[in-house]
C-alpha atoms as a PDB file:
ATOM      1  CA  MET A   1      47.036 -10.495   2.065  1.00  0.00           C
ATOM      2  CA  LYS A   2      46.428  -6.815   1.327  1.00  0.00           C
ATOM      3  CA  LYS A   3      45.230  -7.597  -2.220  1.00  0.00           C
ATOM      4  CA  VAL A   4      42.681 -10.135  -0.957  1.00  0.00           C
ATOM      5  CA  PHE A   5      41.285  -7.639   1.545  1.00  0.00           C
ATOM      6  CA  VAL A   6      40.846  -4.895  -1.100  1.00  0.00           C
ATOM      7  CA  LEU A   7      39.259  -7.358  -3.518  1.00  0.00           C
ATOM      8  CA  SER A   8      36.728  -8.516  -0.893  1.00  0.00           C
ATOM      9  CA  ILE A   9      35.672  -4.882  -0.252  1.00  0.00           C
ATOM     10  CA  VAL A  10      35.201  -4.255  -3.979  1.00  0.00           C
ATOM     11  CA  LEU A  11      33.143  -7.459  -4.344  1.00  0.00           C
ATOM     12  CA  SER A  12      31.001  -6.543  -1.329  1.00  0.00           C
ATOM     13  CA  LEU A  13      30.256  -3.090  -2.756  1.00  0.00           C
ATOM     14  CA  GLY A  14      29.395  -4.600  -6.129  1.00  0.00           C
ATOM     15  CA  MET A  15      26.994  -7.094  -4.573  1.00  0.00           C
ATOM     16  CA  GLY A  16      25.203  -4.263  -2.762  1.00  0.00           C
ATOM     17  CA  ALA A  17      24.706  -2.399  -6.030  1.00  0.00           C
ATOM     18  CA  PHE A  18      22.875  -5.387  -7.525  1.00  0.00           C
ATOM     19  CA  SER A  19      20.783  -6.333  -4.482  1.00  0.00           C
ATOM     20  CA  GLN A  20      17.021  -6.335  -4.894  1.00  0.00           C
ATOM     21  CA  ILE A  21      14.701  -3.930  -3.129  1.00  0.00           C
ATOM     22  CA  THR A  22      12.289  -6.155  -1.194  1.00  0.00           C
ATOM     23  CA  LEU A  23       9.198  -5.182   0.766  1.00  0.00           C
ATOM     24  CA  THR A  24       9.011  -7.208   3.977  1.00  0.00           C
ATOM     25  CA  HIS A  25       6.506  -7.479   6.790  1.00  0.00           C
ATOM     26  CA  SER A  26       8.977  -6.301   9.434  1.00  0.00           C
ATOM     27  CA  LYS A  27       9.907  -3.114   7.560  1.00  0.00           C
ATOM     28  CA  HIS A  28       6.852  -2.251   5.449  1.00  0.00           C
ATOM     29  CA  ALA A  29       3.623  -3.631   6.949  1.00  0.00           C
ATOM     30  CA  LEU A  30       1.076  -1.285   8.521  1.00  0.00           C
ATOM     31  CA  LYS A  31       1.793  -0.921  12.235  1.00  0.00           C
ATOM     32  CA  VAL A  32      -0.243   0.634  15.025  1.00  0.00           C
ATOM     33  CA  GLY A  33       1.157   4.081  15.794  1.00  0.00           C
ATOM     34  CA  ASP A  34       2.569   4.752  12.314  1.00  0.00           C
ATOM     35  CA  VAL A  35       1.536   7.930  10.491  1.00  0.00           C
ATOM     36  CA  GLN A  36       1.455   8.187   6.682  1.00  0.00           C
ATOM     37  CA  SER A  37       1.898  11.649   5.198  1.00  0.00           C
ATOM     38  CA  MET A  38       0.482  11.935   1.696  1.00  0.00           C
ATOM     39  CA  HIS A  39       1.062  15.019  -0.431  1.00  0.00           C
ATOM     40  CA  LYS A  40      -1.661  15.793  -2.946  1.00  0.00           C
ATOM     41  CA  ALA A  41      -0.662  16.776  -6.492  1.00  0.00           C
ATOM     42  CA  ASP A  42      -2.133  16.868  -9.975  1.00  0.00           C
ATOM     43  CA  TYR A  43      -1.796  13.682 -12.016  1.00  0.00           C
ATOM     44  CA  VAL A  44       1.524  13.104 -13.748  1.00  0.00           C
ATOM     45  CA  ALA A  45       2.254  10.101 -15.980  1.00  0.00           C
ATOM     46  CA  PRO A  46       4.115   7.536 -13.854  1.00  0.00           C
ATOM     47  CA  GLY A  47       7.071   7.154 -16.209  1.00  0.00           C
ATOM     48  CA  PRO A  48       8.686   4.026 -17.606  1.00  0.00           C
ATOM     49  CA  SER A  49       8.853   0.627 -15.958  1.00  0.00           C
ATOM     50  CA  GLY A  50      11.937  -1.509 -15.639  1.00  0.00           C
ATOM     51  CA  ALA A  51      15.142  -1.715 -13.663  1.00  0.00           C
ATOM     52  CA  GLY A  52      17.307   1.257 -12.689  1.00  0.00           C
ATOM     53  CA  GLN A  53      14.825   4.000 -13.653  1.00  0.00           C
ATOM     54  CA  ILE A  54      15.167   7.690 -12.789  1.00  0.00           C
ATOM     55  CA  TRP A  55      11.792   9.397 -12.391  1.00  0.00           C
ATOM     56  CA  ASN A  56      12.168  13.175 -12.354  1.00  0.00           C
ATOM     57  CA  PHE A  57       9.123  14.767 -10.728  1.00  0.00           C
ATOM     58  CA  SER A  58      11.032  17.836  -9.513  1.00  0.00           C
ATOM     59  CA  ASP A  59       8.423  20.145 -11.120  1.00  0.00           C
ATOM     60  CA  LEU A  60       5.528  18.515  -9.261  1.00  0.00           C
ATOM     61  CA  LYS A  61       3.339  21.043  -7.430  1.00  0.00           C
ATOM     62  CA  PHE A  62       1.973  19.912  -4.085  1.00  0.00           C
ATOM     63  CA  HIS A  63      -1.399  21.339  -3.007  1.00  0.00           C
ATOM     64  CA  GLY A  64      -2.329  19.853   0.307  1.00  0.00           C
ATOM     65  CA  GLU A  65      -1.315  17.116   2.662  1.00  0.00           C
ATOM     66  CA  GLU A  66      -3.256  14.328   4.337  1.00  0.00           C
ATOM     67  CA  LYS A  67      -2.102  12.351   7.340  1.00  0.00           C
ATOM     68  CA  ASN A  68      -3.354   8.845   7.978  1.00  0.00           C
ATOM     69  CA  VAL A  69      -2.902   7.365  11.457  1.00  0.00           C
ATOM     70  CA  MET A  70      -2.645   3.607  12.087  1.00  0.00           C
ATOM     71  CA  LEU A  71      -4.772   2.561  15.078  1.00  0.00           C
ATOM     72  CA  ASP A  72      -5.447  -0.664  16.920  1.00  0.00           C
ATOM     73  CA  ALA A  73      -8.570  -1.906  15.101  1.00  0.00           C
ATOM     74  CA  THR A  74     -10.230  -3.005  18.343  1.00  0.00           C
ATOM     75  CA  THR A  75     -10.469   0.652  19.458  1.00  0.00           C
ATOM     76  CA  VAL A  76     -12.715   1.647  16.544  1.00  0.00           C
ATOM     77  CA  GLU A  77     -16.459   1.956  17.046  1.00  0.00           C
ATOM     78  CA  LYS A  78     -18.268  -0.781  15.071  1.00  0.00           C
ATOM     79  CA  TYR A  79     -15.137  -2.983  15.219  1.00  0.00           C
ATOM     80  CA  GLY A  80     -17.453  -5.951  15.847  1.00  0.00           C
ATOM     81  CA  LEU A  81     -18.551  -5.776  12.197  1.00  0.00           C
ATOM     82  CA  LEU A  82     -14.975  -6.610  11.114  1.00  0.00           C
ATOM     83  CA  PRO A  83     -13.511  -8.712  13.952  1.00  0.00           C
ATOM     84  CA  SER A  84     -10.612 -10.057  11.849  1.00  0.00           C
ATOM     85  CA  ALA A  85      -9.152  -6.535  11.472  1.00  0.00           C
ATOM     86  CA  THR A  86      -5.926  -5.786  13.342  1.00  0.00           C
ATOM     87  CA  VAL A  87      -5.121  -2.259  12.070  1.00  0.00           C
ATOM     88  CA  ALA A  88      -7.448   0.633  11.249  1.00  0.00           C
ATOM     89  CA  ILE A  89      -6.345   3.521   9.069  1.00  0.00           C
ATOM     90  CA  ALA A  90      -7.928   6.741  10.281  1.00  0.00           C
ATOM     91  CA  THR A  91      -7.918   9.246   7.443  1.00  0.00           C
ATOM     92  CA  GLY A  92      -8.377  12.977   7.779  1.00  0.00           C
ATOM     93  CA  THR A  93     -12.104  12.374   7.307  1.00  0.00           C
ATOM     94  CA  ASP A  94     -14.144  12.158  10.522  1.00  0.00           C
ATOM     95  CA  ASP A  95     -15.389   8.724  11.452  1.00  0.00           C
ATOM     96  CA  TYR A  96     -13.944   6.927   8.422  1.00  0.00           C
ATOM     97  CA  TYR A  97     -11.676   3.893   8.842  1.00  0.00           C
ATOM     98  CA  ALA A  98     -10.152   1.492   6.350  1.00  0.00           C
ATOM     99  CA  MET A  99      -9.820  -1.810   8.204  1.00  0.00           C
ATOM    100  CA  TYR A 100      -6.950  -4.230   7.593  1.00  0.00           C
ATOM    101  CA  LYS A 101      -5.928  -7.686   8.720  1.00  0.00           C
ATOM    102  CA  ILE A 102      -2.128  -7.749   8.842  1.00  0.00           C
ATOM    103  CA  THR A 103      -0.249 -11.050   9.048  1.00  0.00           C
ATOM    104  CA  ALA A 104       3.404 -11.944   8.529  1.00  0.00           C
ATOM    105  CA  THR A 105       2.694 -12.691   4.853  1.00  0.00           C
ATOM    106  CA  GLU A 106      -0.324 -10.567   3.854  1.00  0.00           C
ATOM    107  CA  ASN A 107      -1.957  -7.167   4.103  1.00  0.00           C
ATOM    108  CA  ASP A 108      -5.734  -7.588   3.511  1.00  0.00           C
ATOM    109  CA  ASN A 109      -8.342  -4.831   3.369  1.00  0.00           C
ATOM    110  CA  VAL A 110     -11.311  -6.478   5.132  1.00  0.00           C
ATOM    111  CA  GLY A 111     -13.681  -3.494   4.910  1.00  0.00           C
ATOM    112  CA  HIS A 112     -14.489   0.120   5.731  1.00  0.00           C
ATOM    113  CA  LEU A 113     -16.360   1.694   8.602  1.00  0.00           C
ATOM    114  CA  GLY A 114     -17.978   5.106   8.304  1.00  0.00           C
ATOM    115  CA  LYS A 115     -20.394   7.152  10.338  1.00  0.00           C
ATOM    116  CA  ASP A 116     -23.283   6.427   7.975  1.00  0.00           C
ATOM    117  CA  TYR A 117     -22.261   3.110   6.416  1.00  0.00           C
ATOM    118  CA  HIS A 118     -20.117   0.024   6.638  1.00  0.00           C
ATOM    119  CA  MET A 119     -18.574  -2.185   3.980  1.00  0.00           C
ATOM    120  CA  VAL A 120     -17.571  -5.782   4.644  1.00  0.00           C
ATOM    121  CA  PHE A 121     -15.337  -7.742   2.271  1.00  0.00           C
ATOM    122  CA  THR A 122     -16.302 -11.392   2.719  1.00  0.00           C
ATOM    123  CA  GLN A 123     -13.429 -12.150   0.333  1.00  0.00           C
ATOM    124  CA  PRO A 124     -10.841  -9.492   1.297  1.00  0.00           C
ATOM    125  CA  TYR A 125      -9.016  -7.173  -1.053  1.00  0.00           C
ATOM    126  CA  ARG A 126      -5.353  -8.135  -0.649  1.00  0.00           C
ATOM    127  CA  ARG A 127      -3.138  -5.038  -0.824  1.00  0.00           C
ATOM    128  CA  MET A 128       0.277  -6.686  -0.407  1.00  0.00           C
ATOM    129  CA  VAL A 129       2.039  -9.996   0.127  1.00  0.00           C
ATOM    130  CA  TYR A 130       5.406 -10.342   1.861  1.00  0.00           C
ATOM    131  CA  PRO A 131       8.143 -10.596   0.762  1.00  0.00           C
ATOM    132  CA  PHE A 132       7.585  -8.659  -2.481  1.00  0.00           C
ATOM    133  CA  THR A 133      10.320  -7.585  -4.895  1.00  0.00           C
ATOM    134  CA  TYR A 134      10.916  -6.394  -8.462  1.00  0.00           C
ATOM    135  CA  GLY A 135       9.196  -8.694 -10.965  1.00  0.00           C
ATOM    136  CA  ASN A 136       6.689 -10.096  -8.454  1.00  0.00           C
ATOM    137  CA  HIS A 137       2.974  -9.861  -9.224  1.00  0.00           C
ATOM    138  CA  TYR A 138      -0.300 -10.891  -7.606  1.00  0.00           C
ATOM    139  CA  ARG A 139      -3.856 -11.126  -8.998  1.00  0.00           C
ATOM    140  CA  SER A 140      -7.169 -12.087  -7.375  1.00  0.00           C
ATOM    141  CA  ASN A 141     -10.828 -11.200  -6.776  1.00  0.00           C
ATOM    142  CA  PHE A 142     -12.693  -9.644  -3.872  1.00  0.00           C
ATOM    143  CA  SER A 143     -16.343  -9.478  -2.871  1.00  0.00           C
ATOM    144  CA  GLY A 144     -18.585  -8.275  -0.097  1.00  0.00           C
ATOM    145  CA  TYR A 145     -21.448  -5.945   0.674  1.00  0.00           C
ATOM    146  CA  GLY A 146     -22.173  -2.436   1.878  1.00  0.00           C
ATOM    147  CA  VAL A 147     -24.948  -1.169   4.157  1.00  0.00           C
ATOM    148  CA  TYR A 148     -25.816   2.523   4.166  1.00  0.00           C
ATOM    149  CA  GLN A 149     -27.640   4.740   6.668  1.00  0.00           C
ATOM    150  CA  ASP A 150     -30.949   4.464   4.852  1.00  0.00           C
ATOM    151  CA  ASN A 151     -30.581   0.634   4.973  1.00  0.00           C
ATOM    152  CA  ALA A 152     -29.797   0.499   1.262  1.00  0.00           C
ATOM    153  CA  THR A 153     -27.599  -2.517   0.604  1.00  0.00           C
ATOM    154  CA  THR A 154     -25.191  -3.166  -2.237  1.00  0.00           C
ATOM    155  CA  ASP A 155     -23.241  -6.189  -3.351  1.00  0.00           C
ATOM    156  CA  ILE A 156     -19.619  -5.404  -4.149  1.00  0.00           C
ATOM    157  CA  MET A 157     -17.249  -7.424  -6.283  1.00  0.00           C
ATOM    158  CA  GLY A 158     -14.178  -6.896  -8.358  1.00  0.00           C
ATOM    159  CA  ASP A 159     -10.758  -8.019  -9.388  1.00  0.00           C
ATOM    160  CA  TYR A 160      -7.362  -6.519  -8.800  1.00  0.00           C
ATOM    161  CA  SER A 161      -3.678  -6.996  -9.388  1.00  0.00           C
ATOM    162  CA  PHE A 162      -0.449  -5.493  -8.170  1.00  0.00           C
ATOM    163  CA  GLU A 163       3.039  -5.843  -9.534  1.00  0.00           C
ATOM    164  CA  ALA A 164       6.487  -4.495  -8.764  1.00  0.00           C
ATOM    165  CA  ASP A 165       7.156  -3.254 -12.279  1.00  0.00           C
ATOM    166  CA  ALA A 166      10.100  -0.889 -11.685  1.00  0.00           C
ATOM    167  CA  TYR A 167      12.794   0.298  -9.319  1.00  0.00           C
ATOM    168  CA  GLY A 168      15.184   3.196  -9.281  1.00  0.00           C
ATOM    169  CA  THR A 169      15.501   6.808  -8.114  1.00  0.00           C
ATOM    170  CA  LEU A 170      12.577   9.162  -7.514  1.00  0.00           C
ATOM    171  CA  ILE A 171      13.296  12.905  -7.726  1.00  0.00           C
ATOM    172  CA  LEU A 172      10.688  15.064  -5.948  1.00  0.00           C
ATOM    173  CA  PRO A 173      10.612  18.845  -5.443  1.00  0.00           C
ATOM    174  CA  ASN A 174      11.706  18.476  -1.825  1.00  0.00           C
ATOM    175  CA  ASN A 175      13.648  15.188  -1.778  1.00  0.00           C
ATOM    176  CA  VAL A 176      15.511  12.549  -3.781  1.00  0.00           C
ATOM    177  CA  LEU A 177      14.679   8.946  -2.892  1.00  0.00           C
ATOM    178  CA  THR A 178      16.954   6.107  -3.975  1.00  0.00           C
ATOM    179  CA  ASN A 179      16.229   2.376  -4.006  1.00  0.00           C
ATOM    180  CA  VAL A 180      12.527   2.994  -4.720  1.00  0.00           C
ATOM    181  CA  LEU A 181      10.395  -0.009  -5.637  1.00  0.00           C
ATOM    182  CA  ARG A 182       7.335   0.965  -7.676  1.00  0.00           C
ATOM    183  CA  VAL A 183       4.262  -1.196  -7.104  1.00  0.00           C
ATOM    184  CA  LYS A 184       1.447  -0.692  -9.629  1.00  0.00           C
ATOM    185  CA  HIS A 185      -2.086  -1.470  -8.399  1.00  0.00           C
ATOM    186  CA  THR A 186      -4.986  -2.059 -10.811  1.00  0.00           C
ATOM    187  CA  LEU A 187      -8.580  -2.402  -9.576  1.00  0.00           C
ATOM    188  CA  SER A 188     -11.966  -3.040 -11.179  1.00  0.00           C
ATOM    189  CA  ARG A 189     -14.870  -2.686  -8.758  1.00  0.00           C
ATOM    190  CA  TYR A 190     -18.606  -3.162  -9.301  1.00  0.00           C
ATOM    191  CA  GLU A 191     -21.517  -2.376  -6.983  1.00  0.00           C
ATOM    192  CA  PHE A 192     -25.045  -3.652  -7.453  1.00  0.00           C
ATOM    193  CA  SER A 193     -27.977  -2.278  -5.453  1.00  0.00           C
ATOM    194  CA  ARG A 194     -30.327  -4.816  -3.945  1.00  0.00           C
END
């Protein structure tokens, strides 16, 4: 009996070592009240893709921090321009909000609201799908329009993709993060004045 018990512990530990890192709605979607802290740094090549990577960015020099606050979208002035939005990201910039529609399976950027302009994506820019794990990828198009203070209007369109191309350990100057899933976003955007 003792041998069976020890073997089951060893098998359980081994299964944990090979489990996939998966982004899920319940753990990773934007939620009202969350705060994102972003440290600014000079560009550094992202390192290799693949499984079990170790990215050593211990020499990275931070020069500034930005905090983004997740708000209930209905509390934002001009919300009526983007009524499908559920979460607004308030950046450090006054009167600027990135507006998102969050569902159990998707995270869609539906537009932006600023003091002097607004941008509406009639075909949203999907930022994530859930669940999402190593090897997954997504590709699509987006389109919409922007209206600026001087009533100038632009048509906006583009294509984008995102893929979970690597996972591993991320070494930063102030922290070591394990079980990191890297998601690479690629975007081509075009604006045409009317």
